[in-house]
Amino acid sequence: MTDLPRYAYLGPAGTFTELALRRIVGDLEVEDVPCVDVLTALGSVRDGTADFAVVAIENTVEGGVTATLDTLAVGSPLVILGELVLPIEFELVARRGTQMGDIERISCHSHGWAQCRRWAHRELPEVTFVPASSNAAAPTRLADESLSLAEVGFEAALAPPGTGARFGLDVVANGVADNPNAATRFVRVGRPAALPAPTGADKTTLVVHLPTDRSGALLEMLEQFAARGVNLSRIESRPIGERPGEYSFSMDALGHIADERMSEVLIGLKRTCPRVVFLGSYPTANASITQVAPGTSNTDFESARAWVQGLREAE
């Protein structure tokens, strides 16, 4: 047994998620819990196998990572405790002596392929994509010289920078990416406990189900935010999974539950929506201070509440 905090992540070692984990924990010594997928990583926090998980939640190419969004939305409660945005680019690695012209099949994680497929089809028009469980799984398989290339099933892999040196593979191409500014947002997830204190540069993540028995329900939900001056930095629909055509909304709102305006939003959502899942309030990665609209500061809400209380006491 170890007393070190246990961190689950999409493994094996060498993935972008492991790099995000290292940057999140810094010099803190932790016990790694590599997992085969996001569901297992988050499930390990729920069942106590791990204390925390680091998972990708959003990228600049495909938006929200659906496996993360859907797994957070159901099951025993989990909360996001912090986030990190990591620039993403790849290197194309292969066995020693492999040339571009030798490559017919490339393997990587599906999200990695989404960020490099235009490059691949431009440089290797006939190439075939072979899905891998992670961006480290494919180079790990390539590096296993007990396997022939026929057994491996591909000639090259897209992987995080430094993978070639780590596994003794040739780097056939560097800086592989469709978008040179591509980035992925990772979050640190744990079981509900004391929330990070408000910093003025915070984000609150929610999942909200809309009522299905009336028109204008989406507008009514959005007005809970607009009326209190709370900006949404992300909103996307996800199927609930019970009946076709029914959706929930996953969203990030700029503010902390300790802010009066945000707590008022949550009260409004709870009154009008059948299900509201609170997934945490935590500091934003860019530390950009949220601008507070006139009339929506904590002082404004407290003053208005005191005024109403004074009216009631005067009756």
Protein backbone atom coordinates (compact mmCIF):
# COMPACT_ATOMS: atom_id res chain seq x y z
CA MET A 1 0.00 0.00 0.00
CA THR A 2 1.04 3.58 -0.65
CA ASP A 3 -0.10 6.85 0.85
CA LEU A 4 0.54 8.72 -2.41
CA PRO A 5 -2.49 10.21 -4.17
CA ARG A 6 -3.57 7.87 -6.96
CA TYR A 7 -4.20 9.42 -10.37
CA ALA A 8 -6.03 7.55 -13.13
CA TYR A 9 -5.47 8.55 -16.75
CA LEU A 10 -5.72 7.24 -20.29
CA GLY A 11 -2.64 5.07 -20.63
CA PRO A 12 -0.19 3.61 -21.26
CA ALA A 13 2.62 6.01 -20.39
CA GLY A 14 3.41 8.46 -23.16
CA THR A 15 -0.09 9.74 -23.96
CA PHE A 16 -1.03 13.41 -24.06
CA THR A 17 -3.16 12.69 -20.98
CA GLU A 18 -0.09 11.54 -19.07
CA LEU A 19 1.69 14.75 -20.11
CA ALA A 20 -1.31 16.76 -18.85
CA LEU A 21 -1.20 14.79 -15.60
CA ARG A 22 2.48 15.63 -15.10
CA ARG A 23 1.83 19.32 -15.61
CA ILE A 24 -1.21 19.31 -13.32
CA VAL A 25 0.57 17.63 -10.38
CA GLY A 26 3.89 19.43 -10.91
CA ASP A 27 6.48 18.28 -8.36
CA LEU A 28 3.90 16.36 -6.31
CA GLU A 29 4.73 12.65 -6.15
CA VAL A 30 1.73 10.54 -7.16
CA GLU A 31 0.89 6.94 -7.94
CA ASP A 32 -0.02 6.44 -11.62
CA VAL A 33 -3.12 4.40 -12.48
CA PRO A 34 -3.04 3.98 -16.29
CA CYS A 35 -6.40 2.96 -17.76
CA VAL A 36 -7.56 1.61 -21.10
CA ASP A 37 -10.16 4.34 -21.63
CA VAL A 38 -11.87 7.39 -20.12
CA LEU A 39 -14.77 5.35 -18.72
CA THR A 40 -12.37 3.17 -16.74
CA ALA A 41 -10.39 6.19 -15.50
CA LEU A 42 -13.50 7.96 -14.18
CA GLY A 43 -14.95 4.68 -12.90
CA SER A 44 -11.79 4.10 -10.86
CA VAL A 45 -12.44 7.37 -9.00
CA ARG A 46 -16.03 6.35 -8.36
CA ASP A 47 -15.08 2.93 -6.98
CA GLY A 48 -12.11 4.22 -4.96
CA THR A 49 -9.37 2.55 -7.03
CA ALA A 50 -8.02 6.06 -7.70
CA ASP A 51 -8.33 9.36 -5.84
CA PHE A 52 -8.40 11.52 -8.96
CA ALA A 53 -8.55 11.19 -12.72
CA VAL A 54 -7.12 13.38 -15.45
CA VAL A 55 -9.17 13.18 -18.65
CA ALA A 56 -9.60 15.18 -21.86
CA ILE A 57 -12.90 17.05 -21.97
CA GLU A 58 -12.65 19.31 -25.04
CA ASN A 59 -10.45 19.95 -28.05
CA THR A 60 -10.30 22.66 -30.68
CA VAL A 61 -11.02 20.27 -33.55
CA GLU A 62 -13.98 18.14 -32.45
CA GLY A 63 -15.29 20.09 -29.46
CA GLY A 64 -16.39 18.13 -26.41
CA VAL A 65 -14.96 14.68 -25.74
CA THR A 66 -18.21 12.74 -25.62
CA ALA A 67 -16.86 9.83 -23.57
CA THR A 68 -15.92 12.26 -20.79
CA LEU A 69 -19.09 14.37 -20.98
CA ASP A 70 -21.41 11.36 -20.96
CA THR A 71 -19.57 9.52 -18.17
CA LEU A 72 -19.53 12.57 -15.90
CA ALA A 73 -23.26 13.13 -16.48
CA VAL A 74 -24.42 9.80 -15.02
CA GLY A 75 -23.48 7.64 -12.06
CA SER A 76 -22.36 8.60 -8.58
CA PRO A 77 -21.30 12.27 -8.30
CA LEU A 78 -17.92 13.50 -9.50
CA VAL A 79 -16.64 17.08 -9.66
CA ILE A 80 -14.03 18.88 -11.72
CA LEU A 81 -11.33 20.42 -9.53
CA GLY A 82 -9.14 22.13 -12.12
CA GLU A 83 -8.25 22.31 -15.80
CA LEU A 84 -5.24 22.55 -18.10
CA VAL A 85 -5.06 23.47 -21.79
CA LEU A 86 -2.31 21.63 -23.66
CA PRO A 87 -1.12 22.54 -27.19
CA ILE A 88 -1.33 19.46 -29.41
CA GLU A 89 0.90 18.36 -32.26
CA PHE A 90 2.17 14.96 -33.32
CA GLU A 91 5.17 13.20 -34.74
CA LEU A 92 4.89 10.36 -37.24
CA VAL A 93 6.95 7.41 -35.99
CA ALA A 94 7.88 4.10 -37.60
CA ARG A 95 10.41 1.30 -37.37
CA ARG A 96 14.02 2.02 -38.32
CA GLY A 97 14.52 2.68 -42.02
CA THR A 98 10.87 3.29 -42.85
CA GLN A 99 10.30 5.96 -45.53
CA MET A 100 7.13 7.94 -46.26
CA GLY A 101 6.60 5.84 -49.37
CA ASP A 102 6.53 2.66 -47.26
CA ILE A 103 3.56 3.79 -45.20
CA GLU A 104 0.13 2.45 -46.15
CA ARG A 105 -1.51 2.37 -42.72
CA ILE A 106 -1.26 4.84 -39.81
CA SER A 107 -2.52 4.13 -36.30
CA CYS A 108 -3.46 6.51 -33.48
CA HIS A 109 -6.40 7.42 -31.24
CA SER A 110 -9.50 8.63 -33.10
CA HIS A 111 -9.18 12.13 -31.64
CA GLY A 112 -5.57 12.27 -32.80
CA TRP A 113 -6.60 11.24 -36.31
CA ALA A 114 -9.26 13.98 -36.35
CA GLN A 115 -6.51 16.53 -35.75
CA CYS A 116 -4.16 15.18 -38.46
CA ARG A 117 -6.26 13.56 -41.20
CA ARG A 118 -5.97 16.44 -43.68
CA TRP A 119 -2.19 16.36 -43.29
CA ALA A 120 -2.20 12.58 -43.75
CA HIS A 121 -4.32 12.67 -46.89
CA ARG A 122 -2.19 15.46 -48.33
CA GLU A 123 1.13 13.73 -47.65
CA LEU A 124 -0.09 10.12 -48.02
CA PRO A 125 -3.24 10.21 -50.17
CA GLU A 126 -3.81 6.44 -50.09
CA VAL A 127 -3.16 5.95 -46.39
CA THR A 128 -5.60 3.95 -44.22
CA PHE A 129 -6.39 4.86 -40.62
CA VAL A 130 -6.14 2.07 -38.01
CA PRO A 131 -7.79 3.06 -34.68
CA ALA A 132 -5.82 2.65 -31.44
CA SER A 133 -6.97 2.83 -27.82
CA SER A 134 -4.55 5.72 -27.15
CA ASN A 135 -1.80 7.72 -28.83
CA ALA A 136 0.79 5.66 -26.97
CA ALA A 137 -0.70 2.22 -27.68
CA ALA A 138 0.21 2.26 -31.39
CA PRO A 139 3.91 3.15 -30.99
CA THR A 140 4.15 0.63 -28.14
CA ARG A 141 2.98 -2.04 -30.56
CA LEU A 142 5.33 -0.83 -33.30
CA ALA A 143 8.26 -1.00 -30.90
CA ASP A 144 7.56 -4.65 -30.08
CA GLU A 145 10.03 -6.30 -32.42
CA SER A 146 8.69 -9.75 -31.60
CA LEU A 147 5.82 -8.80 -33.91
CA SER A 148 6.12 -8.58 -37.67
CA LEU A 149 4.60 -5.57 -39.42
CA ALA A 150 1.89 -7.88 -40.69
CA GLU A 151 1.07 -8.79 -37.09
CA VAL A 152 1.27 -5.14 -35.98
CA GLY A 153 -1.24 -4.16 -38.66
CA PHE A 154 0.26 -0.77 -39.61
CA GLU A 155 3.58 0.75 -40.64
CA ALA A 156 3.49 4.07 -38.72
CA ALA A 157 1.84 5.81 -35.80
CA LEU A 158 0.93 9.39 -34.92
CA ALA A 159 2.11 10.07 -31.39
CA PRO A 160 3.07 12.87 -28.96
CA PRO A 161 6.45 14.57 -29.47
CA GLY A 162 9.30 12.57 -27.95
CA THR A 163 7.66 9.20 -28.60
CA GLY A 164 10.20 8.17 -31.23
CA ALA A 165 13.09 8.72 -28.84
CA ARG A 166 11.22 6.98 -26.01
CA PHE A 167 10.49 3.83 -28.02
CA GLY A 168 13.56 3.73 -30.28
CA LEU A 169 11.54 4.47 -33.41
CA ASP A 170 12.37 6.71 -36.36
CA VAL A 171 10.61 10.07 -36.55
CA VAL A 172 9.43 10.18 -40.16
CA ALA A 173 7.78 13.61 -39.80
CA ASN A 174 7.67 16.29 -37.09
CA GLY A 175 5.05 18.92 -36.25
CA VAL A 176 2.15 16.96 -37.71
CA ALA A 177 -1.19 18.79 -37.29
CA ASP A 178 -3.97 20.21 -39.43
CA ASN A 179 -4.22 23.24 -37.15
CA PRO A 180 -0.93 24.59 -35.75
CA ASN A 181 -2.89 26.15 -32.87
CA ALA A 182 -4.73 22.96 -31.91
CA ALA A 183 -5.18 22.39 -28.18
CA THR A 184 -6.96 20.03 -25.82
CA ARG A 185 -8.49 20.90 -22.46
CA PHE A 186 -7.89 18.37 -19.69
CA VAL A 187 -9.61 18.32 -16.30
CA ARG A 188 -8.73 16.91 -12.90
CA VAL A 189 -11.72 15.03 -11.49
CA GLY A 190 -12.40 13.81 -7.98
CA ARG A 191 -15.20 12.81 -5.65
CA PRO A 192 -17.26 15.63 -4.10
CA ALA A 193 -15.38 17.45 -1.33
CA ALA A 194 -14.55 21.05 -0.52
CA LEU A 195 -14.54 23.05 -3.75
CA PRO A 196 -11.60 25.19 -4.85
CA ALA A 197 -12.04 28.72 -3.47
CA PRO A 198 -13.28 31.39 -5.90
CA THR A 199 -10.52 33.33 -7.64
CA GLY A 200 -12.52 35.71 -9.85
CA ALA A 201 -11.36 33.67 -12.87
CA ASP A 202 -13.55 30.60 -12.45
CA LYS A 203 -15.69 28.20 -14.42
CA THR A 204 -18.70 26.11 -13.41
CA THR A 205 -19.62 22.97 -15.35
CA LEU A 206 -23.21 21.76 -15.46
CA VAL A 207 -25.44 19.20 -17.16
CA VAL A 208 -29.08 20.27 -17.54
CA HIS A 209 -32.08 18.30 -18.78
CA LEU A 210 -34.91 20.34 -20.28
CA PRO A 211 -38.62 19.73 -19.69
CA THR A 212 -40.22 18.17 -22.76
CA ASP A 213 -43.80 19.27 -22.18
CA ARG A 214 -43.57 22.88 -23.32
CA SER A 215 -42.12 24.99 -26.11
CA GLY A 216 -39.46 27.58 -25.33
CA ALA A 217 -37.78 25.40 -22.70
CA LEU A 218 -34.31 25.99 -24.12
CA LEU A 219 -34.85 29.75 -24.18
CA GLU A 220 -36.12 29.66 -20.60
CA MET A 221 -33.01 27.73 -19.53
CA LEU A 222 -30.66 30.18 -21.27
CA GLU A 223 -32.47 33.15 -19.74
CA GLN A 224 -31.47 31.89 -16.28
CA PHE A 225 -27.90 32.78 -17.26
CA ALA A 226 -28.58 35.91 -19.32
CA ALA A 227 -30.76 37.58 -16.69
CA ARG A 228 -27.96 37.28 -14.14
CA GLY A 229 -25.09 38.31 -16.42
CA VAL A 230 -23.46 34.87 -16.52
CA ASN A 231 -21.68 34.02 -19.77
CA LEU A 232 -21.52 30.51 -21.22
CA SER A 233 -18.12 29.59 -22.66
CA ARG A 234 -19.32 26.18 -23.91
CA ILE A 235 -22.71 24.57 -24.52
CA GLU A 236 -23.46 21.40 -26.43
CA SER A 237 -26.32 18.95 -26.60
CA ARG A 238 -26.01 15.27 -25.76
CA PRO A 239 -28.68 12.58 -26.28
CA ILE A 240 -30.20 11.46 -23.00
CA GLY A 241 -30.34 7.90 -24.30
CA GLU A 242 -33.89 7.06 -23.22
CA ARG A 243 -35.87 8.19 -26.27
CA PRO A 244 -34.83 9.62 -29.66
CA GLY A 245 -35.09 13.39 -29.84
CA GLU A 246 -34.51 14.01 -26.13
CA TYR A 247 -31.32 15.84 -25.20
CA SER A 248 -29.49 17.23 -22.22
CA PHE A 249 -27.09 20.18 -22.35
CA SER A 250 -23.52 20.13 -21.11
CA MET A 251 -22.15 23.61 -20.45
CA ASP A 252 -19.39 25.69 -18.89
CA ALA A 253 -20.45 28.97 -17.29
CA LEU A 254 -18.00 31.69 -16.29
CA GLY A 255 -18.26 32.11 -12.55
CA HIS A 256 -18.11 30.21 -9.26
CA ILE A 257 -20.97 28.74 -7.26
CA ALA A 258 -19.86 31.03 -4.41
CA ASP A 259 -20.73 34.03 -6.62
CA GLU A 260 -24.25 35.29 -5.91
CA ARG A 261 -25.09 35.47 -9.62
CA MET A 262 -24.06 31.86 -10.20
CA SER A 263 -25.91 30.52 -7.17
CA GLU A 264 -29.02 32.38 -8.39
CA VAL A 265 -28.61 30.68 -11.79
CA LEU A 266 -28.51 27.27 -10.12
CA ILE A 267 -31.61 28.09 -8.08
CA GLY A 268 -33.42 29.11 -11.26
CA LEU A 269 -32.35 25.98 -13.12
CA LYS A 270 -33.39 23.73 -10.22
CA ARG A 271 -36.84 25.38 -10.17
CA THR A 272 -37.49 25.00 -13.90
CA CYS A 273 -35.56 21.93 -15.14
CA PRO A 274 -36.18 18.27 -14.26
CA ARG A 275 -32.51 17.45 -13.71
CA VAL A 276 -29.46 19.60 -12.98
CA VAL A 277 -26.04 18.01 -12.40
CA PHE A 278 -23.38 20.20 -10.78
CA LEU A 279 -19.91 19.15 -11.95
CA GLY A 280 -17.82 21.66 -10.06
CA SER A 281 -16.55 25.23 -9.85
CA TYR A 282 -12.81 25.63 -10.44
CA PRO A 283 -10.18 28.11 -11.70
CA THR A 284 -9.95 28.59 -15.46
CA ALA A 285 -6.74 27.56 -17.18
CA ASN A 286 -6.09 31.01 -18.62
CA ALA A 287 -6.70 32.80 -15.28
CA SER A 288 -8.59 35.54 -17.14
CA ILE A 289 -10.69 37.53 -14.67
CA THR A 290 -14.40 37.31 -15.46
CA GLN A 291 -15.98 40.68 -16.13
CA VAL A 292 -19.00 41.23 -13.89
CA ALA A 293 -21.95 42.91 -15.59
CA PRO A 294 -23.44 45.97 -13.86
CA GLY A 295 -26.02 44.97 -11.28
CA THR A 296 -24.76 41.39 -10.89
CA SER A 297 -21.95 41.67 -8.33
CA ASN A 298 -22.22 39.99 -4.94
CA THR A 299 -22.83 43.41 -3.39
CA ASP A 300 -25.67 44.12 -5.82
CA PHE A 301 -27.43 40.86 -4.95
CA GLU A 302 -26.88 41.29 -1.23
CA SER A 303 -28.17 44.87 -1.33
CA ALA A 304 -31.27 43.87 -3.29
CA ARG A 305 -31.96 40.98 -0.92
CA ALA A 306 -31.61 43.26 2.09
CA TRP A 307 -34.01 45.73 0.50
CA VAL A 308 -36.66 43.02 -0.01
CA GLN A 309 -36.12 41.75 3.54
CA GLY A 310 -36.64 45.31 4.82
CA LEU A 311 -39.94 45.53 2.94
CA ARG A 312 -41.12 42.25 4.44
CA GLU A 313 -40.20 43.31 7.96
CA ALA A 314 -42.08 46.56 7.52
CA GLU A 315 -45.35 44.76 6.82
